Amino acid sequence: MAIIGFGELLLRLNTPVLGEKLGFSKQLEVGFAGAESNVLAGLSLLGHATRFVSALPQNAWGDGALANLRSFGVDTSYVQRSEGRMGTYFIESGTSIRSPKVVYDRKQSVFSLSKQGAWAWEDILCKGDWLHVTGITPALSQSCAREMVTAIKKTKALGAKVSFDLNYRRSLWKDGDDAKDLFDEILAHTDLLFGNVGGLRDVYGVEFETDDPTEQTIQGLQFVHRTFHIPTVAFTQRQQFTANENNITALCSVDGTIYETSEYTVEVIDRLGTGDAFVAGYIHGVLQQWTPQKTLGFAAASCALKHTLKGDVQLATENDILDIAAGKTQGYIKR
């Protein structure tokens, strides 16, 4: 069995020195990342077979991106190559009261220009495989949206699982209504949904009867169950004091039963990829057949720990994450 991700892998360029602003920095650090590939890399490092389906340019950036994925153990056999450009995003690190910023430059990328029907899903998918997708991919082009729906329907026809991270990006859609009809179609075939209450507000206009963040998350989980009948829904919850200090918790609903984690106060080294670390941690727990509470606790610890690591990928081992989940957060030296 393999976990398959379908989406775009981006060139990541970030200011290397804390306090520097994009446009004024004399140099940028190079990396590669994408919501789906981040999840696959994290799962691969946790011992799972993973397969990435995408398209990259036939140039040095595409070569580097593939080498990066392969270094984590991700199967790239179904990554197509063609002439064109690679989508890019630029990161300005935040600090104290100054927010981090992300600038996308991904229009007309090789992946976004992929034609519907470009991938033979009958060859890619096997019975028992798991497909993970996000709300980013369908925002890139109509052909990407329809290809993702095709992949989801073929996955379900095999009796396999589909997980969907709502991942609504305001800068990629005209508005929430633009995403709603497509998300409705995807959610009708989703077994496991990831997200947060912000995404429900933006896309579905959900209004909450309380100002309490935990109660809002519980109401959000209940809204998803009531509206889409998805058996498992897992949401992160973030309380942000400054760009550097956040509190992280998570809640999930499994067949209507609500589970909640303890709270983690984290000093943020790199916030990018933290939600993907949560997703990878949760899928890992499901595949390990852990209880819902242990699965959620592992996912929340994975998310919290990722804040302390540079880059988009969760590099921590299972034991590292289990230690955090067990409350070992004092940072003692391990000898």
C-alpha atoms as a PDB file:
ATOM      1  CA  MET A   1       0.000   0.000   0.000  1.00  0.00           C
ATOM      2  CA  ALA A   2       1.189   3.515  -0.814  1.00  0.00           C
ATOM      3  CA  ILE A   3       0.018   6.983   0.117  1.00  0.00           C
ATOM      4  CA  ILE A   4      -0.297   8.968  -3.108  1.00  0.00           C
ATOM      5  CA  GLY A   5      -0.225  12.751  -3.305  1.00  0.00           C
ATOM      6  CA  PHE A   6      -1.349  14.818  -6.298  1.00  0.00           C
ATOM      7  CA  GLY A   7      -0.282  18.450  -6.421  1.00  0.00           C
ATOM      8  CA  GLU A   8       2.361  20.997  -7.307  1.00  0.00           C
ATOM      9  CA  LEU A   9       5.926  21.027  -6.014  1.00  0.00           C
ATOM     10  CA  LEU A  10       7.253  24.570  -5.706  1.00  0.00           C
ATOM     11  CA  LEU A  11      10.615  26.251  -5.586  1.00  0.00           C
ATOM     12  CA  ARG A  12      10.914  27.791  -2.102  1.00  0.00           C
ATOM     13  CA  LEU A  13      13.018  30.937  -1.678  1.00  0.00           C
ATOM     14  CA  ASN A  14      13.256  32.517   1.765  1.00  0.00           C
ATOM     15  CA  THR A  15      15.143  35.348   3.413  1.00  0.00           C
ATOM     16  CA  PRO A  16      17.984  33.634   5.330  1.00  0.00           C
ATOM     17  CA  VAL A  17      18.458  36.243   8.034  1.00  0.00           C
ATOM     18  CA  LEU A  18      15.766  37.014  10.601  1.00  0.00           C
ATOM     19  CA  GLY A  19      14.632  40.602  10.239  1.00  0.00           C
ATOM     20  CA  GLU A  20      15.373  40.920   6.525  1.00  0.00           C
ATOM     21  CA  LYS A  21      12.606  41.962   4.159  1.00  0.00           C
ATOM     22  CA  LEU A  22      11.924  40.536   0.727  1.00  0.00           C
ATOM     23  CA  GLY A  23      13.158  42.923  -1.922  1.00  0.00           C
ATOM     24  CA  PHE A  24      15.987  44.143   0.306  1.00  0.00           C
ATOM     25  CA  SER A  25      17.708  40.842   1.096  1.00  0.00           C
ATOM     26  CA  LYS A  26      20.980  40.281  -0.817  1.00  0.00           C
ATOM     27  CA  GLN A  27      20.493  36.518  -0.941  1.00  0.00           C
ATOM     28  CA  LEU A  28      17.767  33.873  -0.668  1.00  0.00           C
ATOM     29  CA  GLU A  29      17.889  30.287   0.603  1.00  0.00           C
ATOM     30  CA  VAL A  30      16.713  27.660  -1.877  1.00  0.00           C
ATOM     31  CA  GLY A  31      14.397  24.784  -1.033  1.00  0.00           C
ATOM     32  CA  PHE A  32      11.494  22.800  -2.500  1.00  0.00           C
ATOM     33  CA  ALA A  33       8.062  22.289  -0.978  1.00  0.00           C
ATOM     34  CA  GLY A  34       4.365  21.810  -1.569  1.00  0.00           C
ATOM     35  CA  ALA A  35       1.472  20.876   0.704  1.00  0.00           C
ATOM     36  CA  GLU A  36       1.047  17.386  -0.741  1.00  0.00           C
ATOM     37  CA  SER A  37       4.754  16.641  -1.131  1.00  0.00           C
ATOM     38  CA  ASN A  38       5.410  17.829   2.440  1.00  0.00           C
ATOM     39  CA  VAL A  39       2.913  15.260   3.711  1.00  0.00           C
ATOM     40  CA  LEU A  40       4.434  12.488   1.608  1.00  0.00           C
ATOM     41  CA  ALA A  41       7.985  13.311   2.711  1.00  0.00           C
ATOM     42  CA  GLY A  42       6.914  13.267   6.364  1.00  0.00           C
ATOM     43  CA  LEU A  43       5.124   9.936   5.927  1.00  0.00           C
ATOM     44  CA  SER A  44       8.052   8.450   4.032  1.00  0.00           C
ATOM     45  CA  LEU A  45      10.390   9.377   6.890  1.00  0.00           C
ATOM     46  CA  LEU A  46       7.956   7.633   9.249  1.00  0.00           C
ATOM     47  CA  GLY A  47       8.356   4.418   7.250  1.00  0.00           C
ATOM     48  CA  HIS A  48       5.495   4.487   4.746  1.00  0.00           C
ATOM     49  CA  ALA A  49       5.584   3.922   0.996  1.00  0.00           C
ATOM     50  CA  THR A  50       4.672   7.156  -0.778  1.00  0.00           C
ATOM     51  CA  ARG A  51       4.141   8.177  -4.407  1.00  0.00           C
ATOM     52  CA  PHE A  52       3.986  11.706  -5.813  1.00  0.00           C
ATOM     53  CA  VAL A  53       2.005  12.568  -8.952  1.00  0.00           C
ATOM     54  CA  SER A  54       2.866  15.927 -10.464  1.00  0.00           C
ATOM     55  CA  ALA A  55       4.621  17.769 -13.308  1.00  0.00           C
ATOM     56  CA  LEU A  56       7.954  19.594 -13.256  1.00  0.00           C
ATOM     57  CA  PRO A  57       9.984  21.513 -15.816  1.00  0.00           C
ATOM     58  CA  GLN A  58      12.719  19.800 -17.788  1.00  0.00           C
ATOM     59  CA  ASN A  59      15.503  21.942 -16.318  1.00  0.00           C
ATOM     60  CA  ALA A  60      17.905  22.187 -13.385  1.00  0.00           C
ATOM     61  CA  TRP A  61      15.173  23.302 -10.953  1.00  0.00           C
ATOM     62  CA  GLY A  62      13.074  20.281 -11.878  1.00  0.00           C
ATOM     63  CA  ASP A  63      16.100  18.014 -11.433  1.00  0.00           C
ATOM     64  CA  GLY A  64      16.788  19.498  -8.008  1.00  0.00           C
ATOM     65  CA  ALA A  65      13.177  19.159  -6.928  1.00  0.00           C
ATOM     66  CA  LEU A  66      13.102  15.471  -7.880  1.00  0.00           C
ATOM     67  CA  ALA A  67      16.402  14.798  -6.111  1.00  0.00           C
ATOM     68  CA  ASN A  68      15.017  16.505  -3.001  1.00  0.00           C
ATOM     69  CA  LEU A  69      11.883  14.334  -2.972  1.00  0.00           C
ATOM     70  CA  ARG A  70      13.866  11.169  -3.579  1.00  0.00           C
ATOM     71  CA  SER A  71      16.153  12.009  -0.662  1.00  0.00           C
ATOM     72  CA  PHE A  72      13.131  11.529   1.611  1.00  0.00           C
ATOM     73  CA  GLY A  73      12.235   8.205  -0.049  1.00  0.00           C
ATOM     74  CA  VAL A  74       9.267   9.458  -2.090  1.00  0.00           C
ATOM     75  CA  ASP A  75       8.571   7.568  -5.346  1.00  0.00           C
ATOM     76  CA  THR A  76       8.656  10.093  -8.215  1.00  0.00           C
ATOM     77  CA  SER A  77       7.954   7.663 -11.073  1.00  0.00           C
ATOM     78  CA  TYR A  78       4.746   9.504 -11.989  1.00  0.00           C
ATOM     79  CA  VAL A  79       6.169  13.026 -12.024  1.00  0.00           C
ATOM     80  CA  GLN A  80       5.962  14.211 -15.630  1.00  0.00           C
ATOM     81  CA  ARG A  81       8.577  16.503 -17.191  1.00  0.00           C
ATOM     82  CA  SER A  82       8.120  19.112 -19.928  1.00  0.00           C
ATOM     83  CA  GLU A  83       9.398  22.481 -21.076  1.00  0.00           C
ATOM     84  CA  GLY A  84       8.232  25.430 -19.010  1.00  0.00           C
ATOM     85  CA  ARG A  85       8.626  27.045 -15.609  1.00  0.00           C
ATOM     86  CA  MET A  86       8.404  25.917 -12.018  1.00  0.00           C
ATOM     87  CA  GLY A  87       5.993  27.566  -9.606  1.00  0.00           C
ATOM     88  CA  THR A  88       7.815  29.581  -6.950  1.00  0.00           C
ATOM     89  CA  TYR A  89       7.043  31.112  -3.603  1.00  0.00           C
ATOM     90  CA  PHE A  90       9.017  33.613  -1.563  1.00  0.00           C
ATOM     91  CA  ILE A  91       8.994  33.731   2.244  1.00  0.00           C
ATOM     92  CA  GLU A  92       9.769  36.687   4.475  1.00  0.00           C
ATOM     93  CA  SER A  93      10.205  35.459   8.026  1.00  0.00           C
ATOM     94  CA  GLY A  94       8.188  37.239  10.685  1.00  0.00           C
ATOM     95  CA  THR A  95       9.399  38.165  14.125  1.00  0.00           C
ATOM     96  CA  SER A  96       7.770  39.682  17.202  1.00  0.00           C
ATOM     97  CA  ILE A  97       4.872  41.891  16.030  1.00  0.00           C
ATOM     98  CA  ARG A  98       5.838  41.663  12.331  1.00  0.00           C
ATOM     99  CA  SER A  99       3.932  38.996  10.429  1.00  0.00           C
ATOM    100  CA  PRO A 100       5.609  36.506   8.093  1.00  0.00           C
ATOM    101  CA  LYS A 101       4.726  36.979   4.429  1.00  0.00           C
ATOM    102  CA  VAL A 102       4.407  34.612   1.481  1.00  0.00           C
ATOM    103  CA  VAL A 103       4.499  35.827  -2.129  1.00  0.00           C
ATOM    104  CA  TYR A 104       3.420  33.353  -4.832  1.00  0.00           C
ATOM    105  CA  ASP A 105       4.719  33.320  -8.396  1.00  0.00           C
ATOM    106  CA  ARG A 106       3.111  30.212  -9.834  1.00  0.00           C
ATOM    107  CA  LYS A 107       0.960  31.277 -12.790  1.00  0.00           C
ATOM    108  CA  GLN A 108       1.651  29.426 -16.041  1.00  0.00           C
ATOM    109  CA  SER A 109       3.720  26.792 -14.253  1.00  0.00           C
ATOM    110  CA  VAL A 110       4.197  23.403 -15.916  1.00  0.00           C
ATOM    111  CA  PHE A 111       1.855  21.784 -13.398  1.00  0.00           C
ATOM    112  CA  SER A 112      -0.923  24.378 -13.679  1.00  0.00           C
ATOM    113  CA  LEU A 113      -0.863  24.006 -17.486  1.00  0.00           C
ATOM    114  CA  SER A 114      -1.259  20.214 -17.312  1.00  0.00           C
ATOM    115  CA  LYS A 115      -4.100  18.978 -19.484  1.00  0.00           C
ATOM    116  CA  GLN A 116      -7.019  16.999 -18.104  1.00  0.00           C
ATOM    117  CA  GLY A 117      -6.397  13.290 -18.657  1.00  0.00           C
ATOM    118  CA  ALA A 118      -2.608  13.693 -18.520  1.00  0.00           C
ATOM    119  CA  TRP A 119      -2.218  10.918 -15.928  1.00  0.00           C
ATOM    120  CA  ALA A 120      -3.284   7.281 -16.310  1.00  0.00           C
ATOM    121  CA  TRP A 121      -4.788   6.786 -12.868  1.00  0.00           C
ATOM    122  CA  GLU A 122      -5.551   3.136 -13.593  1.00  0.00           C
ATOM    123  CA  ASP A 123      -1.776   2.566 -13.681  1.00  0.00           C
ATOM    124  CA  ILE A 124      -0.971   4.823 -10.736  1.00  0.00           C
ATOM    125  CA  LEU A 125      -3.568   3.577  -8.239  1.00  0.00           C
ATOM    126  CA  CYS A 126      -3.638   0.104  -6.749  1.00  0.00           C
ATOM    127  CA  LYS A 127      -6.287  -1.419  -4.522  1.00  0.00           C
ATOM    128  CA  GLY A 128      -5.658  -0.329  -0.936  1.00  0.00           C
ATOM    129  CA  ASP A 129      -3.702   2.812  -1.818  1.00  0.00           C
ATOM    130  CA  TRP A 130      -4.526   6.076  -0.047  1.00  0.00           C
ATOM    131  CA  LEU A 131      -4.927   9.361  -1.959  1.00  0.00           C
ATOM    132  CA  HIS A 132      -4.154  12.671  -0.259  1.00  0.00           C
ATOM    133  CA  VAL A 133      -5.156  15.955  -1.913  1.00  0.00           C
ATOM    134  CA  THR A 134      -5.605  19.581  -0.872  1.00  0.00           C
ATOM    135  CA  GLY A 135      -7.698  22.621  -1.717  1.00  0.00           C
ATOM    136  CA  ILE A 136      -4.656  24.270  -3.298  1.00  0.00           C
ATOM    137  CA  THR A 137      -4.508  22.113  -6.439  1.00  0.00           C
ATOM    138  CA  PRO A 138      -8.011  22.860  -7.808  1.00  0.00           C
ATOM    139  CA  ALA A 139      -7.337  26.592  -7.431  1.00  0.00           C
ATOM    140  CA  LEU A 140      -4.489  26.452  -9.957  1.00  0.00           C
ATOM    141  CA  SER A 141      -6.508  25.736 -13.112  1.00  0.00           C
ATOM    142  CA  GLN A 142      -9.729  24.130 -14.310  1.00  0.00           C
ATOM    143  CA  SER A 143      -7.810  21.175 -15.726  1.00  0.00           C
ATOM    144  CA  CYS A 144      -6.034  20.604 -12.380  1.00  0.00           C
ATOM    145  CA  ALA A 145      -9.402  20.720 -10.615  1.00  0.00           C
ATOM    146  CA  ARG A 146     -11.046  18.176 -12.928  1.00  0.00           C
ATOM    147  CA  GLU A 147      -7.996  15.895 -12.868  1.00  0.00           C
ATOM    148  CA  MET A 148      -8.066  15.883  -9.068  1.00  0.00           C
ATOM    149  CA  VAL A 149     -11.756  14.972  -9.026  1.00  0.00           C
ATOM    150  CA  THR A 150     -11.053  12.167 -11.515  1.00  0.00           C
ATOM    151  CA  ALA A 151      -8.307  10.800  -9.269  1.00  0.00           C
ATOM    152  CA  ILE A 152     -10.596  10.951  -6.225  1.00  0.00           C
ATOM    153  CA  LYS A 153     -13.420   9.101  -7.955  1.00  0.00           C
ATOM    154  CA  LYS A 154     -11.088   6.394  -9.270  1.00  0.00           C
ATOM    155  CA  THR A 155      -9.627   5.986  -5.768  1.00  0.00           C
ATOM    156  CA  LYS A 156     -13.081   5.504  -4.282  1.00  0.00           C
ATOM    157  CA  ALA A 157     -13.984   3.028  -7.044  1.00  0.00           C
ATOM    158  CA  LEU A 158     -11.089   0.882  -5.781  1.00  0.00           C
ATOM    159  CA  GLY A 159     -12.469   1.038  -2.241  1.00  0.00           C
ATOM    160  CA  ALA A 160      -9.484   3.073  -1.053  1.00  0.00           C
ATOM    161  CA  LYS A 161      -9.291   6.093   1.275  1.00  0.00           C
ATOM    162  CA  VAL A 162      -9.264   9.769   0.314  1.00  0.00           C
ATOM    163  CA  SER A 163      -8.006  12.480   2.657  1.00  0.00           C
ATOM    164  CA  PHE A 164      -8.543  16.158   1.860  1.00  0.00           C
ATOM    165  CA  ASP A 165      -6.933  19.182   3.468  1.00  0.00           C
ATOM    166  CA  LEU A 166      -9.268  22.154   2.992  1.00  0.00           C
ATOM    167  CA  ASN A 167      -6.230  24.456   2.685  1.00  0.00           C
ATOM    168  CA  TYR A 168      -8.156  27.451   1.351  1.00  0.00           C
ATOM    169  CA  ARG A 169      -5.689  30.064   0.079  1.00  0.00           C
ATOM    170  CA  ARG A 170      -7.353  33.454  -0.417  1.00  0.00           C
ATOM    171  CA  SER A 171      -4.684  34.595  -2.870  1.00  0.00           C
ATOM    172  CA  LEU A 172      -5.418  31.679  -5.235  1.00  0.00           C
ATOM    173  CA  TRP A 173      -9.217  31.996  -5.435  1.00  0.00           C
ATOM    174  CA  LYS A 174     -11.479  34.891  -6.425  1.00  0.00           C
ATOM    175  CA  ASP A 175     -13.494  34.283  -3.252  1.00  0.00           C
ATOM    176  CA  GLY A 176     -14.919  31.517  -1.088  1.00  0.00           C
ATOM    177  CA  ASP A 177     -17.930  31.014  -3.367  1.00  0.00           C
ATOM    178  CA  ASP A 178     -15.563  30.212  -6.222  1.00  0.00           C
ATOM    179  CA  ALA A 179     -14.214  27.277  -4.216  1.00  0.00           C
ATOM    180  CA  LYS A 180     -17.459  26.094  -2.609  1.00  0.00           C
ATOM    181  CA  ASP A 181     -19.040  24.101  -5.455  1.00  0.00           C
ATOM    182  CA  LEU A 182     -15.807  22.282  -6.204  1.00  0.00           C
ATOM    183  CA  PHE A 183     -15.138  21.565  -2.530  1.00  0.00           C
ATOM    184  CA  ASP A 184     -18.682  20.196  -2.218  1.00  0.00           C
ATOM    185  CA  GLU A 185     -17.888  17.677  -4.963  1.00  0.00           C
ATOM    186  CA  ILE A 186     -14.615  16.675  -3.303  1.00  0.00           C
ATOM    187  CA  LEU A 187     -16.106  16.402   0.199  1.00  0.00           C
ATOM    188  CA  ALA A 188     -18.767  14.006  -1.098  1.00  0.00           C
ATOM    189  CA  HIS A 189     -15.946  11.467  -1.603  1.00  0.00           C
ATOM    190  CA  THR A 190     -13.755  12.318   1.402  1.00  0.00           C
ATOM    191  CA  ASP A 191     -13.055   9.862   4.243  1.00  0.00           C
ATOM    192  CA  LEU A 192     -10.793  12.111   6.311  1.00  0.00           C
ATOM    193  CA  LEU A 193     -10.905  15.926   6.322  1.00  0.00           C
ATOM    194  CA  PHE A 194      -8.245  18.247   7.699  1.00  0.00           C
ATOM    195  CA  GLY A 195      -8.568  21.985   8.245  1.00  0.00           C
ATOM    196  CA  ASN A 196      -9.552  24.657  10.734  1.00  0.00           C
ATOM    197  CA  VAL A 197     -12.499  26.918  11.458  1.00  0.00           C
ATOM    198  CA  GLY A 198     -10.979  29.713   9.357  1.00  0.00           C
ATOM    199  CA  GLY A 199     -11.429  27.633   6.223  1.00  0.00           C
ATOM    200  CA  LEU A 200     -15.066  26.933   7.091  1.00  0.00           C
ATOM    201  CA  ARG A 201     -15.682  30.664   7.543  1.00  0.00           C
ATOM    202  CA  ASP A 202     -14.019  31.586   4.267  1.00  0.00           C
ATOM    203  CA  VAL A 203     -15.591  28.922   2.057  1.00  0.00           C
ATOM    204  CA  TYR A 204     -18.909  28.104   3.738  1.00  0.00           C
ATOM    205  CA  GLY A 205     -19.645  31.285   5.664  1.00  0.00           C
ATOM    206  CA  VAL A 206     -20.037  29.331   8.901  1.00  0.00           C
ATOM    207  CA  GLU A 207     -20.938  31.564  11.838  1.00  0.00           C
ATOM    208  CA  PHE A 208     -20.302  30.450  15.392  1.00  0.00           C
ATOM    209  CA  GLU A 209     -22.444  30.980  18.467  1.00  0.00           C
ATOM    210  CA  THR A 210     -19.477  31.578  20.760  1.00  0.00           C
ATOM    211  CA  ASP A 211     -16.183  33.459  20.948  1.00  0.00           C
ATOM    212  CA  ASP A 212     -14.450  30.541  22.656  1.00  0.00           C
ATOM    213  CA  PRO A 213     -11.941  29.012  20.153  1.00  0.00           C
ATOM    214  CA  THR A 214     -12.398  25.440  21.371  1.00  0.00           C
ATOM    215  CA  GLU A 215     -16.186  25.664  21.223  1.00  0.00           C
ATOM    216  CA  GLN A 216     -15.897  27.136  17.729  1.00  0.00           C
ATOM    217  CA  THR A 217     -13.741  24.202  16.635  1.00  0.00           C
ATOM    218  CA  ILE A 218     -16.223  21.724  18.103  1.00  0.00           C
ATOM    219  CA  GLN A 219     -19.065  23.471  16.264  1.00  0.00           C
ATOM    220  CA  GLY A 220     -16.971  23.377  13.090  1.00  0.00           C
ATOM    221  CA  LEU A 221     -16.412  19.626  13.423  1.00  0.00           C
ATOM    222  CA  GLN A 222     -20.134  19.140  13.990  1.00  0.00           C
ATOM    223  CA  PHE A 223     -20.973  21.288  10.948  1.00  0.00           C
ATOM    224  CA  VAL A 224     -18.806  19.064   8.743  1.00  0.00           C
ATOM    225  CA  HIS A 225     -20.388  15.864  10.093  1.00  0.00           C
ATOM    226  CA  ARG A 226     -23.892  17.242   9.723  1.00  0.00           C
ATOM    227  CA  THR A 227     -23.371  18.675   6.251  1.00  0.00           C
ATOM    228  CA  PHE A 228     -21.038  16.199   4.543  1.00  0.00           C
ATOM    229  CA  HIS A 229     -21.269  13.015   6.669  1.00  0.00           C
ATOM    230  CA  ILE A 230     -17.486  12.600   6.718  1.00  0.00           C
ATOM    231  CA  PRO A 231     -16.567   9.967   9.337  1.00  0.00           C
ATOM    232  CA  THR A 232     -13.320  11.564  10.555  1.00  0.00           C
ATOM    233  CA  VAL A 233     -12.523  15.274  10.759  1.00  0.00           C
ATOM    234  CA  ALA A 234      -9.343  16.653  12.370  1.00  0.00           C
ATOM    235  CA  PHE A 235      -8.774  20.374  12.954  1.00  0.00           C
ATOM    236  CA  THR A 236      -5.823  22.312  14.317  1.00  0.00           C
ATOM    237  CA  GLN A 237      -6.366  25.327  16.555  1.00  0.00           C
ATOM    238  CA  ARG A 238      -3.826  28.129  16.843  1.00  0.00           C
ATOM    239  CA  GLN A 239      -3.619  30.949  19.374  1.00  0.00           C
ATOM    240  CA  GLN A 240      -1.101  33.509  18.166  1.00  0.00           C
ATOM    241  CA  PHE A 241       0.540  35.970  20.548  1.00  0.00           C
ATOM    242  CA  THR A 242       3.344  37.113  18.220  1.00  0.00           C
ATOM    243  CA  ALA A 243       4.963  35.775  15.057  1.00  0.00           C
ATOM    244  CA  ASN A 244       7.353  33.844  17.323  1.00  0.00           C
ATOM    245  CA  GLU A 245       5.038  32.563  20.055  1.00  0.00           C
ATOM    246  CA  ASN A 246       1.984  30.423  19.308  1.00  0.00           C
ATOM    247  CA  ASN A 247      -0.172  27.976  21.231  1.00  0.00           C
ATOM    248  CA  ILE A 248      -1.168  24.827  19.336  1.00  0.00           C
ATOM    249  CA  THR A 249      -3.983  22.404  20.111  1.00  0.00           C
ATOM    250  CA  ALA A 250      -6.004  19.989  17.982  1.00  0.00           C
ATOM    251  CA  LEU A 251      -9.442  18.426  18.052  1.00  0.00           C
ATOM    252  CA  CYS A 252     -11.001  15.683  15.984  1.00  0.00           C
ATOM    253  CA  SER A 253     -14.344  14.018  15.592  1.00  0.00           C
ATOM    254  CA  VAL A 254     -14.422  10.291  14.854  1.00  0.00           C
ATOM    255  CA  ASP A 255     -17.902   8.951  14.151  1.00  0.00           C
ATOM    256  CA  GLY A 256     -19.299  11.844  16.170  1.00  0.00           C
ATOM    257  CA  THR A 257     -17.067  11.465  19.236  1.00  0.00           C
ATOM    258  CA  ILE A 258     -14.916  14.531  19.996  1.00  0.00           C
ATOM    259  CA  TYR A 259     -11.278  14.201  21.087  1.00  0.00           C
ATOM    260  CA  GLU A 260      -8.962  17.023  22.184  1.00  0.00           C
ATOM    261  CA  THR A 261      -5.238  17.381  22.874  1.00  0.00           C
ATOM    262  CA  SER A 262      -3.268  19.294  25.445  1.00  0.00           C
ATOM    263  CA  GLU A 263      -1.866  22.694  24.502  1.00  0.00           C
ATOM    264  CA  TYR A 264       1.661  23.308  23.241  1.00  0.00           C
ATOM    265  CA  THR A 265       3.373  26.681  23.524  1.00  0.00           C
ATOM    266  CA  VAL A 266       5.935  26.881  20.731  1.00  0.00           C
ATOM    267  CA  GLU A 267       8.694  29.277  19.745  1.00  0.00           C
ATOM    268  CA  VAL A 268       8.408  29.535  15.977  1.00  0.00           C
ATOM    269  CA  ILE A 269      11.523  28.922  13.883  1.00  0.00           C
ATOM    270  CA  ASP A 270       9.580  28.161  10.674  1.00  0.00           C
ATOM    271  CA  ARG A 271       5.798  28.075  10.510  1.00  0.00           C
ATOM    272  CA  LEU A 272       5.573  26.802   6.934  1.00  0.00           C
ATOM    273  CA  GLY A 273       4.653  23.118   6.688  1.00  0.00           C
ATOM    274  CA  THR A 274       3.283  22.816  10.236  1.00  0.00           C
ATOM    275  CA  GLY A 275      -0.214  21.934   9.033  1.00  0.00           C
ATOM    276  CA  ASP A 276       1.276  19.328   6.690  1.00  0.00           C
ATOM    277  CA  ALA A 277       3.176  17.843   9.648  1.00  0.00           C
ATOM    278  CA  PHE A 278      -0.166  17.525  11.443  1.00  0.00           C
ATOM    279  CA  VAL A 279      -1.673  15.732   8.445  1.00  0.00           C
ATOM    280  CA  ALA A 280       1.268  13.342   8.107  1.00  0.00           C
ATOM    281  CA  GLY A 281       1.157  12.603  11.827  1.00  0.00           C
ATOM    282  CA  TYR A 282      -2.567  11.886  11.768  1.00  0.00           C
ATOM    283  CA  ILE A 283      -2.402   9.608   8.716  1.00  0.00           C
ATOM    284  CA  HIS A 284       0.523   7.775  10.339  1.00  0.00           C
ATOM    285  CA  GLY A 285      -1.547   7.136  13.452  1.00  0.00           C
ATOM    286  CA  VAL A 286      -4.472   5.840  11.397  1.00  0.00           C
ATOM    287  CA  LEU A 287      -2.204   3.483   9.469  1.00  0.00           C
ATOM    288  CA  GLN A 288      -0.664   2.280  12.734  1.00  0.00           C
ATOM    289  CA  GLN A 289      -4.214   1.547  13.944  1.00  0.00           C
ATOM    290  CA  TRP A 290      -3.745   3.648  17.048  1.00  0.00           C
ATOM    291  CA  THR A 291      -6.711   4.866  19.055  1.00  0.00           C
ATOM    292  CA  PRO A 292      -8.255   8.199  17.957  1.00  0.00           C
ATOM    293  CA  GLN A 293      -6.820   9.912  21.047  1.00  0.00           C
ATOM    294  CA  LYS A 294      -3.268   8.649  20.469  1.00  0.00           C
ATOM    295  CA  THR A 295      -3.517   9.461  16.756  1.00  0.00           C
ATOM    296  CA  LEU A 296      -4.659  13.026  17.441  1.00  0.00           C
ATOM    297  CA  GLY A 297      -2.028  13.498  20.156  1.00  0.00           C
ATOM    298  CA  PHE A 298       0.715  12.327  17.815  1.00  0.00           C
ATOM    299  CA  ALA A 299      -0.507  14.629  15.035  1.00  0.00           C
ATOM    300  CA  ALA A 300      -0.662  17.667  17.333  1.00  0.00           C
ATOM    301  CA  ALA A 301       2.816  16.915  18.697  1.00  0.00           C
ATOM    302  CA  SER A 302       4.098  16.566  15.126  1.00  0.00           C
ATOM    303  CA  CYS A 303       2.606  19.946  14.236  1.00  0.00           C
ATOM    304  CA  ALA A 304       4.046  21.615  17.348  1.00  0.00           C
ATOM    305  CA  LEU A 305       7.503  20.104  16.871  1.00  0.00           C
ATOM    306  CA  LYS A 306       7.654  21.145  13.209  1.00  0.00           C
ATOM    307  CA  HIS A 307       7.588  24.822  14.322  1.00  0.00           C
ATOM    308  CA  THR A 308      11.121  24.283  15.669  1.00  0.00           C
ATOM    309  CA  LEU A 309      12.569  22.992  12.367  1.00  0.00           C
ATOM    310  CA  LYS A 310      13.634  24.972   9.295  1.00  0.00           C
ATOM    311  CA  GLY A 311      12.118  24.057   5.951  1.00  0.00           C
ATOM    312  CA  ASP A 312       8.692  22.682   5.089  1.00  0.00           C
ATOM    313  CA  VAL A 313       9.207  19.003   5.964  1.00  0.00           C
ATOM    314  CA  GLN A 314       8.744  17.345   9.351  1.00  0.00           C
ATOM    315  CA  LEU A 315      12.165  15.754   9.927  1.00  0.00           C
ATOM    316  CA  ALA A 316      11.513  14.429  13.450  1.00  0.00           C
ATOM    317  CA  THR A 317      11.446  10.688  14.102  1.00  0.00           C
ATOM    318  CA  GLU A 318       8.455   8.820  15.485  1.00  0.00           C
ATOM    319  CA  ASN A 319      10.194   8.591  18.884  1.00  0.00           C
ATOM    320  CA  ASP A 320      10.906  12.340  18.861  1.00  0.00           C
ATOM    321  CA  ILE A 321       7.230  13.056  18.258  1.00  0.00           C
ATOM    322  CA  LEU A 322       6.045  10.478  20.792  1.00  0.00           C
ATOM    323  CA  ASP A 323       8.247  12.121  23.434  1.00  0.00           C
ATOM    324  CA  ILE A 324       6.536  15.474  22.805  1.00  0.00           C
ATOM    325  CA  ALA A 325       3.126  13.807  22.887  1.00  0.00           C
ATOM    326  CA  ALA A 326       4.084  12.287  26.245  1.00  0.00           C
ATOM    327  CA  GLY A 327       4.798  15.755  27.652  1.00  0.00           C
ATOM    328  CA  LYS A 328       8.592  15.804  27.353  1.00  0.00           C
ATOM    329  CA  THR A 329       8.711  19.437  26.238  1.00  0.00           C
ATOM    330  CA  GLN A 330      11.395  20.848  28.557  1.00  0.00           C
ATOM    331  CA  GLY A 331      14.127  20.494  25.940  1.00  0.00           C
ATOM    332  CA  TYR A 332      16.591  18.484  28.031  1.00  0.00           C
ATOM    333  CA  ILE A 333      19.761  17.291  26.258  1.00  0.00           C
ATOM    334  CA  LYS A 334      19.493  13.727  24.952  1.00  0.00           C
ATOM    335  CA  ARG A 335      22.754  11.853  25.422  1.00  0.00           C
END
